[in-house]
N, C-alpha and C. Protein backbone atom coordinates (compact mmCIF):
# COMPACT_ATOMS: atom_id res chain seq x y z
N UNK A 1 190.44 15.88 113.30
CA UNK A 1 191.37 15.08 112.55
C UNK A 1 192.10 15.99 111.56
N UNK A 2 193.42 15.89 111.54
CA UNK A 2 194.22 16.70 110.63
C UNK A 2 194.32 15.98 109.29
N UNK A 3 194.16 16.73 108.20
CA UNK A 3 194.21 16.18 106.85
C UNK A 3 195.15 17.01 105.99
N UNK A 4 195.66 16.42 104.92
CA UNK A 4 196.41 17.16 103.91
C UNK A 4 195.71 16.96 102.58
N UNK A 5 195.32 18.07 101.94
CA UNK A 5 194.62 18.04 100.66
C UNK A 5 195.56 18.63 99.62
N UNK A 6 195.88 17.86 98.59
CA UNK A 6 196.78 18.34 97.54
C UNK A 6 196.16 19.57 96.87
N UNK A 7 196.94 20.63 96.75
CA UNK A 7 196.48 21.87 96.14
C UNK A 7 195.85 22.83 97.13
N UNK A 8 195.56 22.35 98.33
CA UNK A 8 194.93 23.17 99.38
C UNK A 8 195.86 23.32 100.57
N UNK A 9 196.45 22.20 100.98
CA UNK A 9 197.34 22.20 102.13
C UNK A 9 196.72 21.46 103.30
N UNK A 10 197.20 21.79 104.50
CA UNK A 10 196.70 21.13 105.71
C UNK A 10 195.38 21.75 106.15
N UNK A 11 194.55 20.92 106.71
CA UNK A 11 193.28 21.37 107.24
C UNK A 11 192.82 20.42 108.33
N UNK A 12 191.74 20.77 108.97
CA UNK A 12 191.19 19.95 110.04
C UNK A 12 189.74 19.60 109.73
N UNK A 13 189.37 18.36 109.99
CA UNK A 13 188.00 17.92 109.82
C UNK A 13 187.26 18.17 111.12
N UNK A 14 186.63 19.32 111.23
CA UNK A 14 185.90 19.69 112.45
C UNK A 14 184.42 19.40 112.32
N UNK A 15 183.87 19.71 111.16
CA UNK A 15 182.42 19.57 110.95
C UNK A 15 182.10 18.14 110.55
N UNK A 16 181.44 17.42 111.41
CA UNK A 16 181.08 16.04 111.10
C UNK A 16 179.56 15.88 111.14
N UNK A 17 178.86 16.91 110.68
CA UNK A 17 177.40 16.91 110.69
C UNK A 17 176.79 15.98 109.67
N UNK A 18 175.49 16.08 109.46
CA UNK A 18 174.76 15.17 108.59
C UNK A 18 174.65 15.61 107.15
N UNK A 19 175.10 16.82 106.81
CA UNK A 19 174.92 17.32 105.44
C UNK A 19 175.93 16.70 104.48
N UNK A 20 177.18 16.57 104.88
CA UNK A 20 178.22 16.00 104.02
C UNK A 20 178.20 14.49 104.19
N UNK A 21 177.95 13.76 103.10
CA UNK A 21 177.83 12.31 103.15
C UNK A 21 178.82 11.66 102.17
N UNK A 22 179.24 10.46 102.48
CA UNK A 22 180.10 9.70 101.58
C UNK A 22 181.52 10.23 101.55
N UNK A 23 182.16 10.09 100.40
CA UNK A 23 183.55 10.50 100.22
C UNK A 23 183.63 11.97 99.80
N UNK A 24 183.19 12.85 100.68
CA UNK A 24 183.19 14.29 100.39
C UNK A 24 183.76 15.05 101.57
N UNK A 25 184.33 16.20 101.27
CA UNK A 25 184.81 17.08 102.32
C UNK A 25 184.30 18.48 102.04
N UNK A 26 184.16 19.26 103.07
CA UNK A 26 183.69 20.64 102.97
C UNK A 26 184.87 21.53 103.39
N UNK A 27 185.48 22.22 102.41
CA UNK A 27 186.66 23.05 102.69
C UNK A 27 186.26 24.48 103.01
N UNK A 28 186.92 25.06 103.97
CA UNK A 28 186.73 26.48 104.27
C UNK A 28 187.73 27.30 103.48
N UNK A 29 187.26 28.30 102.76
CA UNK A 29 188.12 29.18 101.96
C UNK A 29 187.79 30.63 102.30
N UNK A 30 188.76 31.55 102.08
CA UNK A 30 188.58 32.92 102.55
C UNK A 30 187.64 33.81 101.73
N UNK A 31 187.33 33.45 100.49
CA UNK A 31 186.47 34.35 99.69
C UNK A 31 185.66 33.58 98.65
N UNK A 32 184.71 34.26 98.05
CA UNK A 32 183.79 33.63 97.10
C UNK A 32 184.50 33.16 95.83
N UNK A 33 185.55 33.86 95.41
CA UNK A 33 186.28 33.48 94.21
C UNK A 33 186.96 32.12 94.40
N UNK A 34 187.61 31.93 95.54
CA UNK A 34 188.23 30.63 95.82
C UNK A 34 187.18 29.55 96.02
N UNK A 35 186.07 29.91 96.63
CA UNK A 35 184.99 28.93 96.83
C UNK A 35 184.51 28.39 95.49
N UNK A 36 184.34 29.27 94.52
CA UNK A 36 183.88 28.85 93.20
C UNK A 36 184.92 27.95 92.52
N UNK A 37 186.20 28.26 92.72
CA UNK A 37 187.26 27.46 92.12
C UNK A 37 187.33 26.05 92.71
N UNK A 38 186.93 25.89 93.98
CA UNK A 38 187.00 24.59 94.65
C UNK A 38 185.69 23.80 94.58
N UNK A 39 184.64 24.35 94.03
CA UNK A 39 183.35 23.67 94.00
C UNK A 39 183.42 22.40 93.16
N UNK A 40 183.02 21.28 93.75
CA UNK A 40 182.92 19.97 93.09
C UNK A 40 184.21 19.55 92.40
N UNK A 41 185.31 19.69 93.09
CA UNK A 41 186.61 19.28 92.55
C UNK A 41 187.02 17.95 93.19
N UNK A 42 187.55 17.05 92.38
CA UNK A 42 188.09 15.81 92.93
C UNK A 42 189.48 16.11 93.47
N UNK A 43 189.75 15.65 94.68
CA UNK A 43 191.03 15.89 95.32
C UNK A 43 191.54 14.60 95.95
N UNK A 44 192.83 14.58 96.22
CA UNK A 44 193.44 13.49 96.97
C UNK A 44 193.66 13.99 98.38
N UNK A 45 193.19 13.22 99.35
CA UNK A 45 193.28 13.60 100.75
C UNK A 45 194.12 12.57 101.50
N UNK A 46 195.06 13.07 102.28
CA UNK A 46 195.89 12.20 103.10
C UNK A 46 195.63 12.48 104.57
N UNK A 47 195.64 11.44 105.35
CA UNK A 47 195.60 11.57 106.81
C UNK A 47 197.02 11.34 107.28
N UNK A 48 197.75 12.41 107.63
CA UNK A 48 199.16 12.26 108.01
C UNK A 48 199.33 11.33 109.21
N UNK A 49 200.37 10.52 109.15
CA UNK A 49 200.70 9.62 110.24
C UNK A 49 201.47 10.41 111.29
N UNK A 50 201.02 10.35 112.52
CA UNK A 50 201.71 11.03 113.61
C UNK A 50 202.19 9.96 114.58
N UNK A 51 203.51 9.90 114.77
CA UNK A 51 204.04 8.87 115.67
C UNK A 51 204.21 9.39 117.07
């Protein structure tokens, strides 16, 4: 599923395992510095409409 996260951009929801529960997403980032900046941040997520 393609998603748009404000401040992050477009991404895909590939991992649908049992660890992430509820209204949470697990973002992939390129380095530890960005990972720390995104830890436990509230974000707005959109599911773009594709016609």
